[in-house]
């Protein structure tokens, strides 16, 4: 049984058992698709997305950007508690880690659920 199927089974079982969101969050923290890798090397290089997890913003007004780095355009904002799925991560030229994320819900900062952009990993938990 693949990890994706196992995760679906665990989430379904948690809901049937009445575990609620705590069980769903724990099950969602499992790595997704271990075969996926974004590749690359050097500054801006990504490392494999097999560490992809669901996280939340720790601050209000976290800038979602077009790519990893403060020199990239700002697309919108997310706020404390906003859930995101980390797709992959990359380092910028300064060594700062950035996460490419998909918003799980619409943001009060104007971005729709399902939107994909980059945020600094420093402000995710």
PDB file of N, CA and C in Angstrom:
ATOM      1  N   UNK A   1       0.849  -1.174   0.000  1.00  0.00           N
ATOM      2  CA  UNK A   1       0.000   0.000   0.000  1.00  0.00           C
ATOM      3  C   UNK A   1       0.893   1.234   0.000  1.00  0.00           C
ATOM      4  N   UNK A   2       0.624   2.179  -0.917  1.00  0.00           N
ATOM      5  CA  UNK A   2       1.419   3.396  -1.015  1.00  0.00           C
ATOM      6  C   UNK A   2       1.130   4.357   0.124  1.00  0.00           C
ATOM      7  N   UNK A   3       2.015   5.310   0.295  1.00  0.00           N
ATOM      8  CA  UNK A   3       1.839   6.287   1.378  1.00  0.00           C
ATOM      9  C   UNK A   3       0.585   7.120   1.211  1.00  0.00           C
ATOM     10  N   UNK A   4       0.271   7.477  -0.043  1.00  0.00           N
ATOM     11  CA  UNK A   4      -0.913   8.289  -0.285  1.00  0.00           C
ATOM     12  C   UNK A   4      -2.167   7.525   0.119  1.00  0.00           C
ATOM     13  N   UNK A   5      -2.231   6.252  -0.268  1.00  0.00           N
ATOM     14  CA  UNK A   5      -3.376   5.422   0.101  1.00  0.00           C
ATOM     15  C   UNK A   5      -3.431   5.228   1.610  1.00  0.00           C
ATOM     16  N   UNK A   6      -2.274   5.019   2.227  1.00  0.00           N
ATOM     17  CA  UNK A   6      -2.213   4.849   3.677  1.00  0.00           C
ATOM     18  C   UNK A   6      -2.682   6.108   4.393  1.00  0.00           C
ATOM     19  N   UNK A   7      -2.249   7.277   3.905  1.00  0.00           N
ATOM     20  CA  UNK A   7      -2.672   8.534   4.517  1.00  0.00           C
ATOM     21  C   UNK A   7      -4.182   8.695   4.418  1.00  0.00           C
ATOM     22  N   UNK A   8      -4.745   8.380   3.253  1.00  0.00           N
ATOM     23  CA  UNK A   8      -6.186   8.476   3.079  1.00  0.00           C
ATOM     24  C   UNK A   8      -6.909   7.552   4.048  1.00  0.00           C
ATOM     25  N   UNK A   9      -6.388   6.339   4.212  1.00  0.00           N
ATOM     26  CA  UNK A   9      -6.980   5.383   5.128  1.00  0.00           C
ATOM     27  C   UNK A   9      -6.915   5.896   6.567  1.00  0.00           C
ATOM     28  N   UNK A  10      -5.776   6.456   6.957  1.00  0.00           N
ATOM     29  CA  UNK A  10      -5.608   6.972   8.323  1.00  0.00           C
ATOM     30  C   UNK A  10      -6.557   8.141   8.574  1.00  0.00           C
ATOM     31  N   UNK A  11      -6.658   9.065   7.620  1.00  0.00           N
ATOM     32  CA  UNK A  11      -7.542  10.220   7.775  1.00  0.00           C
ATOM     33  C   UNK A  11      -8.993   9.750   7.862  1.00  0.00           C
ATOM     34  N   UNK A  12      -9.385   8.825   6.994  1.00  0.00           N
ATOM     35  CA  UNK A  12     -10.753   8.307   7.013  1.00  0.00           C
ATOM     36  C   UNK A  12     -11.046   7.623   8.337  1.00  0.00           C
ATOM     37  N   UNK A  13     -10.110   6.813   8.805  1.00  0.00           N
ATOM     38  CA  UNK A  13     -10.287   6.137  10.088  1.00  0.00           C
ATOM     39  C   UNK A  13     -10.398   7.111  11.243  1.00  0.00           C
ATOM     40  N   UNK A  14      -9.612   8.173  11.207  1.00  0.00           N
ATOM     41  CA  UNK A  14      -9.662   9.178  12.272  1.00  0.00           C
ATOM     42  C   UNK A  14     -11.018   9.866  12.295  1.00  0.00           C
ATOM     43  N   UNK A  15     -11.561  10.158  11.129  1.00  0.00           N
ATOM     44  CA  UNK A  15     -12.868  10.812  11.069  1.00  0.00           C
ATOM     45  C   UNK A  15     -13.969   9.886  11.555  1.00  0.00           C
ATOM     46  N   UNK A  16     -13.916   8.617  11.168  1.00  0.00           N
ATOM     47  CA  UNK A  16     -14.914   7.644  11.606  1.00  0.00           C
ATOM     48  C   UNK A  16     -14.827   7.451  13.111  1.00  0.00           C
ATOM     49  N   UNK A  17     -13.608   7.415  13.647  1.00  0.00           N
ATOM     50  CA  UNK A  17     -13.410   7.213  15.080  1.00  0.00           C
ATOM     51  C   UNK A  17     -13.749   8.458  15.892  1.00  0.00           C
ATOM     52  N   UNK A  18     -14.001   9.572  15.217  1.00  0.00           N
ATOM     53  CA  UNK A  18     -14.349  10.797  15.924  1.00  0.00           C
ATOM     54  C   UNK A  18     -13.160  11.526  16.497  1.00  0.00           C
ATOM     55  N   UNK A  19     -11.976  11.275  15.974  1.00  0.00           N
ATOM     56  CA  UNK A  19     -10.783  11.943  16.477  1.00  0.00           C
ATOM     57  C   UNK A  19     -10.833  13.423  16.149  1.00  0.00           C
ATOM     58  N   UNK A  20     -11.440  13.778  15.023  1.00  0.00           N
ATOM     59  CA  UNK A  20     -11.599  15.178  14.637  1.00  0.00           C
ATOM     60  C   UNK A  20     -10.340  15.752  14.025  1.00  0.00           C
ATOM     61  N   UNK A  21     -10.190  17.070  14.131  1.00  0.00           N
ATOM     62  CA  UNK A  21      -9.091  17.761  13.468  1.00  0.00           C
ATOM     63  C   UNK A  21      -7.726  17.381  13.993  1.00  0.00           C
ATOM     64  N   UNK A  22      -7.629  16.992  15.261  1.00  0.00           N
ATOM     65  CA  UNK A  22      -6.327  16.599  15.797  1.00  0.00           C
ATOM     66  C   UNK A  22      -5.815  15.392  15.037  1.00  0.00           C
ATOM     67  N   UNK A  23      -6.663  14.400  14.810  1.00  0.00           N
ATOM     68  CA  UNK A  23      -6.263  13.209  14.062  1.00  0.00           C
ATOM     69  C   UNK A  23      -5.951  13.531  12.625  1.00  0.00           C
ATOM     70  N   UNK A  24      -6.719  14.421  12.027  1.00  0.00           N
ATOM     71  CA  UNK A  24      -6.486  14.793  10.639  1.00  0.00           C
ATOM     72  C   UNK A  24      -5.151  15.509  10.506  1.00  0.00           C
ATOM     73  N   UNK A  25      -4.847  16.411  11.435  1.00  0.00           N
ATOM     74  CA  UNK A  25      -3.582  17.139  11.369  1.00  0.00           C
ATOM     75  C   UNK A  25      -2.404  16.201  11.517  1.00  0.00           C
ATOM     76  N   UNK A  26      -2.498  15.269  12.445  1.00  0.00           N
ATOM     77  CA  UNK A  26      -1.403  14.329  12.641  1.00  0.00           C
ATOM     78  C   UNK A  26      -1.222  13.458  11.414  1.00  0.00           C
ATOM     79  N   UNK A  27      -2.312  12.999  10.829  1.00  0.00           N
ATOM     80  CA  UNK A  27      -2.213  12.160   9.643  1.00  0.00           C
ATOM     81  C   UNK A  27      -1.701  12.965   8.459  1.00  0.00           C
ATOM     82  N   UNK A  28      -2.061  14.225   8.370  1.00  0.00           N
ATOM     83  CA  UNK A  28      -1.645  15.057   7.246  1.00  0.00           C
ATOM     84  C   UNK A  28      -0.171  15.390   7.292  1.00  0.00           C
ATOM     85  N   UNK A  29       0.458  15.228   8.444  1.00  0.00           N
ATOM     86  CA  UNK A  29       1.868  15.561   8.567  1.00  0.00           C
ATOM     87  C   UNK A  29       2.774  14.482   7.980  1.00  0.00           C
ATOM     88  N   UNK A  30       2.164  13.400   7.461  1.00  0.00           N
ATOM     89  CA  UNK A  30       2.965  12.358   6.819  1.00  0.00           C
ATOM     90  C   UNK A  30       3.550  12.901   5.524  1.00  0.00           C
ATOM     91  N   UNK A  31       4.751  12.473   5.151  1.00  0.00           N
ATOM     92  CA  UNK A  31       5.334  12.905   3.873  1.00  0.00           C
ATOM     93  C   UNK A  31       4.450  12.494   2.707  1.00  0.00           C
ATOM     94  N   UNK A  32       4.448  13.300   1.652  1.00  0.00           N
ATOM     95  CA  UNK A  32       3.671  12.959   0.468  1.00  0.00           C
ATOM     96  C   UNK A  32       4.587  12.598  -0.684  1.00  0.00           C
ATOM     97  N   UNK A  33       4.145  11.671  -1.504  1.00  0.00           N
ATOM     98  CA  UNK A  33       4.810  11.236  -2.726  1.00  0.00           C
ATOM     99  C   UNK A  33       6.333  11.239  -2.617  1.00  0.00           C
ATOM    100  N   UNK A  34       6.895  10.228  -1.974  1.00  0.00           N
ATOM    101  CA  UNK A  34       8.338  10.203  -1.753  1.00  0.00           C
ATOM    102  C   UNK A  34       9.159  10.152  -3.032  1.00  0.00           C
ATOM    103  N   UNK A  35       8.555   9.871  -4.172  1.00  0.00           N
ATOM    104  CA  UNK A  35       9.287   9.822  -5.420  1.00  0.00           C
ATOM    105  C   UNK A  35       9.498  11.176  -6.057  1.00  0.00           C
ATOM    106  N   UNK A  36       8.836  12.212  -5.567  1.00  0.00           N
ATOM    107  CA  UNK A  36       8.924  13.536  -6.168  1.00  0.00           C
ATOM    108  C   UNK A  36      10.188  14.245  -5.723  1.00  0.00           C
ATOM    109  N   UNK A  37      10.870  14.856  -6.659  1.00  0.00           N
ATOM    110  CA  UNK A  37      12.028  15.677  -6.349  1.00  0.00           C
ATOM    111  C   UNK A  37      12.086  16.809  -7.356  1.00  0.00           C
ATOM    112  N   UNK A  38      12.321  18.007  -6.888  1.00  0.00           N
ATOM    113  CA  UNK A  38      12.371  19.143  -7.790  1.00  0.00           C
ATOM    114  C   UNK A  38      13.758  19.337  -8.396  1.00  0.00           C
ATOM    115  N   UNK A  39      14.773  18.679  -7.837  1.00  0.00           N
ATOM    116  CA  UNK A  39      16.123  18.747  -8.395  1.00  0.00           C
ATOM    117  C   UNK A  39      16.756  20.106  -8.245  1.00  0.00           C
ATOM    118  N   UNK A  40      17.822  20.354  -9.024  1.00  0.00           N
ATOM    119  CA  UNK A  40      18.493  21.643  -8.996  1.00  0.00           C
ATOM    120  C   UNK A  40      19.753  21.607  -8.166  1.00  0.00           C
ATOM    121  N   UNK A  41      20.557  22.670  -8.298  1.00  0.00           N
ATOM    122  CA  UNK A  41      21.774  22.784  -7.513  1.00  0.00           C
ATOM    123  C   UNK A  41      22.169  24.244  -7.414  1.00  0.00           C
ATOM    124  N   UNK A  42      23.027  24.553  -6.470  1.00  0.00           N
ATOM    125  CA  UNK A  42      23.514  25.914  -6.293  1.00  0.00           C
ATOM    126  C   UNK A  42      22.492  26.797  -5.603  1.00  0.00           C
ATOM    127  N   UNK A  43      22.692  28.136  -5.664  1.00  0.00           N
ATOM    128  CA  UNK A  43      21.784  29.084  -5.034  1.00  0.00           C
ATOM    129  C   UNK A  43      20.402  28.930  -5.629  1.00  0.00           C
ATOM    130  N   UNK A  44      19.413  28.900  -4.797  1.00  0.00           N
ATOM    131  CA  UNK A  44      18.047  28.731  -5.262  1.00  0.00           C
ATOM    132  C   UNK A  44      17.690  27.277  -5.506  1.00  0.00           C
ATOM    133  N   UNK A  45      18.612  26.361  -5.216  1.00  0.00           N
ATOM    134  CA  UNK A  45      18.351  24.941  -5.452  1.00  0.00           C
ATOM    135  C   UNK A  45      17.318  24.427  -4.462  1.00  0.00           C
ATOM    136  N   UNK A  46      16.490  23.545  -4.934  1.00  0.00           N
ATOM    137  CA  UNK A  46      15.486  22.923  -4.090  1.00  0.00           C
ATOM    138  C   UNK A  46      16.011  21.595  -3.579  1.00  0.00           C
ATOM    139  N   UNK A  47      15.489  21.172  -2.443  1.00  0.00           N
ATOM    140  CA  UNK A  47      15.773  19.819  -2.018  1.00  0.00           C
ATOM    141  C   UNK A  47      14.485  19.026  -2.118  1.00  0.00           C
ATOM    142  N   UNK A  48      14.544  17.702  -2.095  1.00  0.00           N
ATOM    143  CA  UNK A  48      13.385  16.870  -2.396  1.00  0.00           C
ATOM    144  C   UNK A  48      12.157  17.222  -1.570  1.00  0.00           C
ATOM    145  N   UNK A  49      11.002  17.113  -2.210  1.00  0.00           N
ATOM    146  CA  UNK A  49       9.747  17.463  -1.571  1.00  0.00           C
ATOM    147  C   UNK A  49       9.184  16.333  -0.730  1.00  0.00           C
ATOM    148  N   UNK A  50       9.944  15.263  -0.498  1.00  0.00           N
ATOM    149  CA  UNK A  50       9.411  14.162   0.278  1.00  0.00           C
ATOM    150  C   UNK A  50       9.282  14.532   1.755  1.00  0.00           C
ATOM    151  N   UNK A  51       9.666  15.726   2.133  1.00  0.00           N
ATOM    152  CA  UNK A  51       9.479  16.209   3.494  1.00  0.00           C
ATOM    153  C   UNK A  51       8.257  17.121   3.587  1.00  0.00           C
ATOM    154  N   UNK A  52       7.433  17.150   2.542  1.00  0.00           N
ATOM    155  CA  UNK A  52       6.266  18.022   2.477  1.00  0.00           C
ATOM    156  C   UNK A  52       5.302  17.732   3.616  1.00  0.00           C
ATOM    157  N   UNK A  53       4.918  18.779   4.311  1.00  0.00           N
ATOM    158  CA  UNK A  53       3.998  18.664   5.437  1.00  0.00           C
ATOM    159  C   UNK A  53       3.038  19.850   5.430  1.00  0.00           C
ATOM    160  N   UNK A  54       2.052  19.770   6.284  1.00  0.00           N
ATOM    161  CA  UNK A  54       1.133  20.875   6.471  1.00  0.00           C
ATOM    162  C   UNK A  54       1.616  21.698   7.656  1.00  0.00           C
ATOM    163  N   UNK A  55       1.679  23.019   7.453  1.00  0.00           N
ATOM    164  CA  UNK A  55       2.138  23.939   8.493  1.00  0.00           C
ATOM    165  C   UNK A  55       1.190  25.130   8.540  1.00  0.00           C
ATOM    166  N   UNK A  56       1.457  26.046   9.485  1.00  0.00           N
ATOM    167  CA  UNK A  56       0.667  27.275   9.609  1.00  0.00           C
ATOM    168  C   UNK A  56       1.588  28.460   9.806  1.00  0.00           C
ATOM    169  N   UNK A  57       1.127  29.624   9.385  1.00  0.00           N
ATOM    170  CA  UNK A  57       1.887  30.863   9.573  1.00  0.00           C
ATOM    171  C   UNK A  57       1.917  31.230  11.054  1.00  0.00           C
ATOM    172  N   UNK A  58       3.039  31.772  11.510  1.00  0.00           N
ATOM    173  CA  UNK A  58       3.182  32.165  12.918  1.00  0.00           C
ATOM    174  C   UNK A  58       3.043  33.665  13.120  1.00  0.00           C
ATOM    175  N   UNK A  59       2.884  34.424  12.035  1.00  0.00           N
ATOM    176  CA  UNK A  59       2.795  35.880  12.115  1.00  0.00           C
ATOM    177  C   UNK A  59       1.675  36.387  11.207  1.00  0.00           C
ATOM    178  N   UNK A  60       1.224  37.589  11.472  1.00  0.00           N
ATOM    179  CA  UNK A  60       0.260  38.254  10.595  1.00  0.00           C
ATOM    180  C   UNK A  60       1.015  38.995   9.500  1.00  0.00           C
ATOM    181  N   UNK A  61       0.514  38.930   8.276  1.00  0.00           N
ATOM    182  CA  UNK A  61       1.110  39.665   7.172  1.00  0.00           C
ATOM    183  C   UNK A  61       2.336  39.016   6.571  1.00  0.00           C
ATOM    184  N   UNK A  62       2.423  37.677   6.612  1.00  0.00           N
ATOM    185  CA  UNK A  62       3.543  36.974   5.995  1.00  0.00           C
ATOM    186  C   UNK A  62       3.417  37.087   4.475  1.00  0.00           C
ATOM    187  N   UNK A  63       4.438  37.618   3.838  1.00  0.00           N
ATOM    188  CA  UNK A  63       4.410  37.876   2.392  1.00  0.00           C
ATOM    189  C   UNK A  63       4.561  36.585   1.599  1.00  0.00           C
ATOM    190  N   UNK A  64       3.654  36.379   0.651  1.00  0.00           N
ATOM    191  CA  UNK A  64       3.736  35.262  -0.285  1.00  0.00           C
ATOM    192  C   UNK A  64       4.347  35.821  -1.560  1.00  0.00           C
ATOM    193  N   UNK A  65       5.454  35.213  -2.010  1.00  0.00           N
ATOM    194  CA  UNK A  65       6.230  35.762  -3.122  1.00  0.00           C
ATOM    195  C   UNK A  65       6.241  34.835  -4.338  1.00  0.00           C
ATOM    196  N   UNK A  66       6.726  35.364  -5.455  1.00  0.00           N
ATOM    197  CA  UNK A  66       6.783  34.607  -6.706  1.00  0.00           C
ATOM    198  C   UNK A  66       7.900  33.574  -6.719  1.00  0.00           C
ATOM    199  N   UNK A  67       8.848  33.679  -5.810  1.00  0.00           N
ATOM    200  CA  UNK A  67       9.970  32.747  -5.743  1.00  0.00           C
ATOM    201  C   UNK A  67      10.706  32.920  -4.438  1.00  0.00           C
ATOM    202  N   UNK A  68      11.725  32.093  -4.208  1.00  0.00           N
ATOM    203  CA  UNK A  68      12.486  32.169  -2.956  1.00  0.00           C
ATOM    204  C   UNK A  68      13.415  33.375  -2.915  1.00  0.00           C
ATOM    205  N   UNK A  69      13.175  34.299  -2.008  1.00  0.00           N
ATOM    206  CA  UNK A  69      14.039  35.464  -1.837  1.00  0.00           C
ATOM    207  C   UNK A  69      13.250  36.745  -1.689  1.00  0.00           C
ATOM    208  N   UNK A  70      13.809  37.677  -0.928  1.00  0.00           N
ATOM    209  CA  UNK A  70      13.136  38.960  -0.702  1.00  0.00           C
ATOM    210  C   UNK A  70      13.142  39.842  -1.939  1.00  0.00           C
ATOM    211  N   UNK A  71      13.922  39.465  -2.944  1.00  0.00           N
ATOM    212  CA  UNK A  71      13.950  40.228  -4.190  1.00  0.00           C
ATOM    213  C   UNK A  71      12.812  39.831  -5.135  1.00  0.00           C
ATOM    214  N   UNK A  72      12.020  38.839  -4.769  1.00  0.00           N
ATOM    215  CA  UNK A  72      10.905  38.379  -5.599  1.00  0.00           C
ATOM    216  C   UNK A  72       9.648  39.181  -5.295  1.00  0.00           C
ATOM    217  N   UNK A  73       8.780  39.322  -6.295  1.00  0.00           N
ATOM    218  CA  UNK A  73       7.548  40.107  -6.160  1.00  0.00           C
ATOM    219  C   UNK A  73       6.609  39.501  -5.111  1.00  0.00           C
ATOM    220  N   UNK A  74       5.899  40.385  -4.412  1.00  0.00           N
ATOM    221  CA  UNK A  74       4.919  39.973  -3.404  1.00  0.00           C
ATOM    222  C   UNK A  74       3.571  39.767  -4.091  1.00  0.00           C
ATOM    223  N   UNK A  75       2.986  38.594  -3.871  1.00  0.00           N
ATOM    224  CA  UNK A  75       1.703  38.252  -4.478  1.00  0.00           C
ATOM    225  C   UNK A  75       0.524  38.550  -3.562  1.00  0.00           C
ATOM    226  N   UNK A  76       0.763  38.478  -2.260  1.00  0.00           N
ATOM    227  CA  UNK A  76      -0.295  38.693  -1.278  1.00  0.00           C
ATOM    228  C   UNK A  76       0.229  38.359   0.105  1.00  0.00           C
ATOM    229  N   UNK A  77      -0.672  38.303   1.072  1.00  0.00           N
ATOM    230  CA  UNK A  77      -0.298  38.070   2.461  1.00  0.00           C
ATOM    231  C   UNK A  77      -1.101  36.920   3.047  1.00  0.00           C
ATOM    232  N   UNK A  78      -0.476  36.218   4.022  1.00  0.00           N
ATOM    233  CA  UNK A  78      -1.212  35.261   4.836  1.00  0.00           C
ATOM    234  C   UNK A  78      -1.040  35.674   6.290  1.00  0.00           C
ATOM    235  N   UNK A  79      -1.911  35.145   7.138  1.00  0.00           N
ATOM    236  CA  UNK A  79      -1.951  35.591   8.523  1.00  0.00           C
ATOM    237  C   UNK A  79      -1.787  34.438   9.502  1.00  0.00           C
ATOM    238  N   UNK A  80      -1.465  34.770  10.750  1.00  0.00           N
ATOM    239  CA  UNK A  80      -1.210  33.775  11.780  1.00  0.00           C
ATOM    240  C   UNK A  80      -2.307  32.719  11.798  1.00  0.00           C
ATOM    241  N   UNK A  81      -1.878  31.466  11.789  1.00  0.00           N
ATOM    242  CA  UNK A  81      -2.809  30.341  11.801  1.00  0.00           C
ATOM    243  C   UNK A  81      -3.241  29.870  10.425  1.00  0.00           C
ATOM    244  N   UNK A  82      -2.909  30.624   9.369  1.00  0.00           N
ATOM    245  CA  UNK A  82      -3.284  30.240   8.000  1.00  0.00           C
ATOM    246  C   UNK A  82      -2.619  28.911   7.658  1.00  0.00           C
ATOM    247  N   UNK A  83      -3.393  27.878   7.324  1.00  0.00           N
ATOM    248  CA  UNK A  83      -2.790  26.583   6.989  1.00  0.00           C
ATOM    249  C   UNK A  83      -2.269  26.546   5.560  1.00  0.00           C
ATOM    250  N   UNK A  84      -1.081  25.954   5.397  1.00  0.00           N
ATOM    251  CA  UNK A  84      -0.465  25.795   4.083  1.00  0.00           C
ATOM    252  C   UNK A  84       0.127  24.396   3.976  1.00  0.00           C
ATOM    253  N   UNK A  85       0.252  23.920   2.751  1.00  0.00           N
ATOM    254  CA  UNK A  85       0.970  22.672   2.495  1.00  0.00           C
ATOM    255  C   UNK A  85       2.303  23.045   1.870  1.00  0.00           C
ATOM    256  N   UNK A  86       3.385  22.574   2.466  1.00  0.00           N
ATOM    257  CA  UNK A  86       4.706  22.827   1.913  1.00  0.00           C
ATOM    258  C   UNK A  86       4.924  21.844   0.762  1.00  0.00           C
ATOM    259  N   UNK A  87       5.178  22.390  -0.424  1.00  0.00           N
ATOM    260  CA  UNK A  87       5.381  21.576  -1.624  1.00  0.00           C
ATOM    261  C   UNK A  87       6.847  21.205  -1.765  1.00  0.00           C
ATOM    262  N   UNK A  88       7.708  22.194  -1.630  1.00  0.00           N
ATOM    263  CA  UNK A  88       9.151  21.992  -1.709  1.00  0.00           C
ATOM    264  C   UNK A  88       9.825  23.152  -0.989  1.00  0.00           C
ATOM    265  N   UNK A  89      11.123  23.053  -0.820  1.00  0.00           N
ATOM    266  CA  UNK A  89      11.883  24.116  -0.161  1.00  0.00           C
ATOM    267  C   UNK A  89      13.125  24.432  -0.968  1.00  0.00           C
ATOM    268  N   UNK A  90      13.631  25.651  -0.796  1.00  0.00           N
ATOM    269  CA  UNK A  90      14.825  26.089  -1.520  1.00  0.00           C
ATOM    270  C   UNK A  90      15.574  27.109  -0.680  1.00  0.00           C
ATOM    271  N   UNK A  91      16.852  27.240  -0.963  1.00  0.00           N
ATOM    272  CA  UNK A  91      17.689  28.249  -0.318  1.00  0.00           C
ATOM    273  C   UNK A  91      17.841  29.431  -1.261  1.00  0.00           C
ATOM    274  N   UNK A  92      17.850  30.646  -0.701  1.00  0.00           N
ATOM    275  CA  UNK A  92      18.157  31.806  -1.532  1.00  0.00           C
ATOM    276  C   UNK A  92      19.669  32.046  -1.499  1.00  0.00           C
ATOM    277  N   UNK A  93      20.122  33.129  -2.105  1.00  0.00           N
ATOM    278  CA  UNK A  93      21.553  33.418  -2.192  1.00  0.00           C
ATOM    279  C   UNK A  93      22.210  33.642  -0.829  1.00  0.00           C
ATOM    280  N   UNK A  94      21.409  33.999   0.181  1.00  0.00           N
ATOM    281  CA  UNK A  94      21.951  34.243   1.517  1.00  0.00           C
ATOM    282  C   UNK A  94      21.925  33.003   2.397  1.00  0.00           C
ATOM    283  N   UNK A  95      21.341  31.910   1.894  1.00  0.00           N
ATOM    284  CA  UNK A  95      21.239  30.681   2.670  1.00  0.00           C
ATOM    285  C   UNK A  95      19.933  30.557   3.436  1.00  0.00           C
ATOM    286  N   UNK A  96      19.056  31.539   3.298  1.00  0.00           N
ATOM    287  CA  UNK A  96      17.758  31.483   3.969  1.00  0.00           C
ATOM    288  C   UNK A  96      16.895  30.429   3.290  1.00  0.00           C
ATOM    289  N   UNK A  97      16.142  29.660   4.091  1.00  0.00           N
ATOM    290  CA  UNK A  97      15.279  28.615   3.550  1.00  0.00           C
ATOM    291  C   UNK A  97      13.899  29.193   3.253  1.00  0.00           C
ATOM    292  N   UNK A  98      13.402  28.907   2.052  1.00  0.00           N
ATOM    293  CA  UNK A  98      12.086  29.335   1.605  1.00  0.00           C
ATOM    294  C   UNK A  98      11.260  28.114   1.258  1.00  0.00           C
ATOM    295  N   UNK A  99       9.968  28.154   1.567  1.00  0.00           N
ATOM    296  CA  UNK A  99       9.064  27.059   1.255  1.00  0.00           C
ATOM    297  C   UNK A  99       8.080  27.479   0.178  1.00  0.00           C
ATOM    298  N   UNK A 100       7.926  26.631  -0.837  1.00  0.00           N
ATOM    299  CA  UNK A 100       6.855  26.813  -1.805  1.00  0.00           C
ATOM    300  C   UNK A 100       5.637  26.167  -1.174  1.00  0.00           C
ATOM    301  N   UNK A 101       4.571  26.941  -1.020  1.00  0.00           N
ATOM    302  CA  UNK A 101       3.397  26.465  -0.297  1.00  0.00           C
ATOM    303  C   UNK A 101       2.129  26.602  -1.131  1.00  0.00           C
ATOM    304  N   UNK A 102       1.143  25.768  -0.778  1.00  0.00           N
ATOM    305  CA  UNK A 102      -0.188  25.886  -1.353  1.00  0.00           C
ATOM    306  C   UNK A 102      -1.141  26.218  -0.209  1.00  0.00           C
ATOM    307  N   UNK A 103      -1.861  27.334  -0.342  1.00  0.00           N
ATOM    308  CA  UNK A 103      -2.806  27.747   0.682  1.00  0.00           C
ATOM    309  C   UNK A 103      -3.943  26.737   0.773  1.00  0.00           C
ATOM    310  N   UNK A 104      -4.287  26.342   1.984  1.00  0.00           N
ATOM    311  CA  UNK A 104      -5.360  25.382   2.194  1.00  0.00           C
ATOM    312  C   UNK A 104      -6.727  26.050   2.298  1.00  0.00           C
ATOM    313  N   UNK A 105      -6.736  27.346   2.600  1.00  0.00           N
ATOM    314  CA  UNK A 105      -7.967  28.129   2.678  1.00  0.00           C
ATOM    315  C   UNK A 105      -7.687  29.507   2.094  1.00  0.00           C
ATOM    316  N   UNK A 106      -8.731  30.242   1.793  1.00  0.00           N
ATOM    317  CA  UNK A 106      -8.560  31.612   1.302  1.00  0.00           C
ATOM    318  C   UNK A 106      -7.915  32.467   2.397  1.00  0.00           C
ATOM    319  N   UNK A 107      -7.074  33.388   1.988  1.00  0.00           N
ATOM    320  CA  UNK A 107      -6.381  34.269   2.921  1.00  0.00           C
ATOM    321  C   UNK A 107      -7.119  35.589   3.055  1.00  0.00           C
ATOM    322  N   UNK A 108      -7.110  36.145   4.263  1.00  0.00           N
ATOM    323  CA  UNK A 108      -7.664  37.478   4.473  1.00  0.00           C
ATOM    324  C   UNK A 108      -6.851  38.510   3.695  1.00  0.00           C
ATOM    325  N   UNK A 109      -5.653  38.126   3.242  1.00  0.00           N
ATOM    326  CA  UNK A 109      -4.786  38.995   2.459  1.00  0.00           C
ATOM    327  C   UNK A 109      -5.098  38.977   0.973  1.00  0.00           C
ATOM    328  N   UNK A 110      -6.195  38.308   0.578  1.00  0.00           N
ATOM    329  CA  UNK A 110      -6.645  38.367  -0.801  1.00  0.00           C
ATOM    330  C   UNK A 110      -6.279  37.197  -1.696  1.00  0.00           C
ATOM    331  N   UNK A 111      -5.640  36.167  -1.162  1.00  0.00           N
ATOM    332  CA  UNK A 111      -5.267  35.022  -1.984  1.00  0.00           C
ATOM    333  C   UNK A 111      -6.284  33.892  -1.797  1.00  0.00           C
ATOM    334  N   UNK A 112      -6.673  33.218  -2.893  1.00  0.00           N
ATOM    335  CA  UNK A 112      -7.659  32.140  -2.790  1.00  0.00           C
ATOM    336  C   UNK A 112      -7.046  30.838  -2.275  1.00  0.00           C
ATOM    337  N   UNK A 113      -7.870  29.965  -1.716  1.00  0.00           N
ATOM    338  CA  UNK A 113      -7.421  28.634  -1.343  1.00  0.00           C
ATOM    339  C   UNK A 113      -6.886  27.929  -2.580  1.00  0.00           C
ATOM    340  N   UNK A 114      -5.829  27.142  -2.423  1.00  0.00           N
ATOM    341  CA  UNK A 114      -5.210  26.448  -3.547  1.00  0.00           C
ATOM    342  C   UNK A 114      -4.111  27.257  -4.221  1.00  0.00           C
ATOM    343  N   UNK A 115      -3.956  28.519  -3.828  1.00  0.00           N
ATOM    344  CA  UNK A 115      -2.938  29.391  -4.421  1.00  0.00           C
ATOM    345  C   UNK A 115      -1.551  28.895  -4.024  1.00  0.00           C
ATOM    346  N   UNK A 116      -0.586  28.986  -4.937  1.00  0.00           N
ATOM    347  CA  UNK A 116       0.778  28.533  -4.680  1.00  0.00           C
ATOM    348  C   UNK A 116       1.743  29.718  -4.771  1.00  0.00           C
ATOM    349  N   UNK A 117       2.605  29.829  -3.763  1.00  0.00           N
ATOM    350  CA  UNK A 117       3.623  30.875  -3.731  1.00  0.00           C
ATOM    351  C   UNK A 117       4.713  30.487  -2.749  1.00  0.00           C
ATOM    352  N   UNK A 118       5.661  31.391  -2.517  1.00  0.00           N
ATOM    353  CA  UNK A 118       6.815  31.133  -1.653  1.00  0.00           C
ATOM    354  C   UNK A 118       6.783  32.012  -0.407  1.00  0.00           C
ATOM    355  N   UNK A 119       7.102  31.415   0.743  1.00  0.00           N
ATOM    356  CA  UNK A 119       7.219  32.153   2.007  1.00  0.00           C
ATOM    357  C   UNK A 119       8.495  31.714   2.706  1.00  0.00           C
ATOM    358  N   UNK A 120       9.035  32.587   3.553  1.00  0.00           N
ATOM    359  CA  UNK A 120      10.213  32.207   4.315  1.00  0.00           C
ATOM    360  C   UNK A 120       9.806  31.160   5.349  1.00  0.00           C
ATOM    361  N   UNK A 121      10.613  30.107   5.467  1.00  0.00           N
ATOM    362  CA  UNK A 121      10.321  29.012   6.375  1.00  0.00           C
ATOM    363  C   UNK A 121      10.359  29.449   7.839  1.00  0.00           C
ATOM    364  N   UNK A 122      11.065  30.528   8.111  1.00  0.00           N
ATOM    365  CA  UNK A 122      11.238  31.034   9.470  1.00  0.00           C
ATOM    366  C   UNK A 122       9.901  31.290  10.176  1.00  0.00           C
ATOM    367  N   UNK A 123       8.857  31.613   9.417  1.00  0.00           N
ATOM    368  CA  UNK A 123       7.581  31.981  10.020  1.00  0.00           C
ATOM    369  C   UNK A 123       6.492  30.929   9.813  1.00  0.00           C
ATOM    370  N   UNK A 124       6.897  29.681   9.673  1.00  0.00           N
ATOM    371  CA  UNK A 124       5.946  28.565   9.591  1.00  0.00           C
ATOM    372  C   UNK A 124       6.223  27.600  10.727  1.00  0.00           C
ATOM    373  N   UNK A 125       5.180  26.976  11.237  1.00  0.00           N
ATOM    374  CA  UNK A 125       5.352  25.908  12.237  1.00  0.00           C
ATOM    375  C   UNK A 125       4.487  24.746  11.861  1.00  0.00           C
TER     376      UNK A 125
END
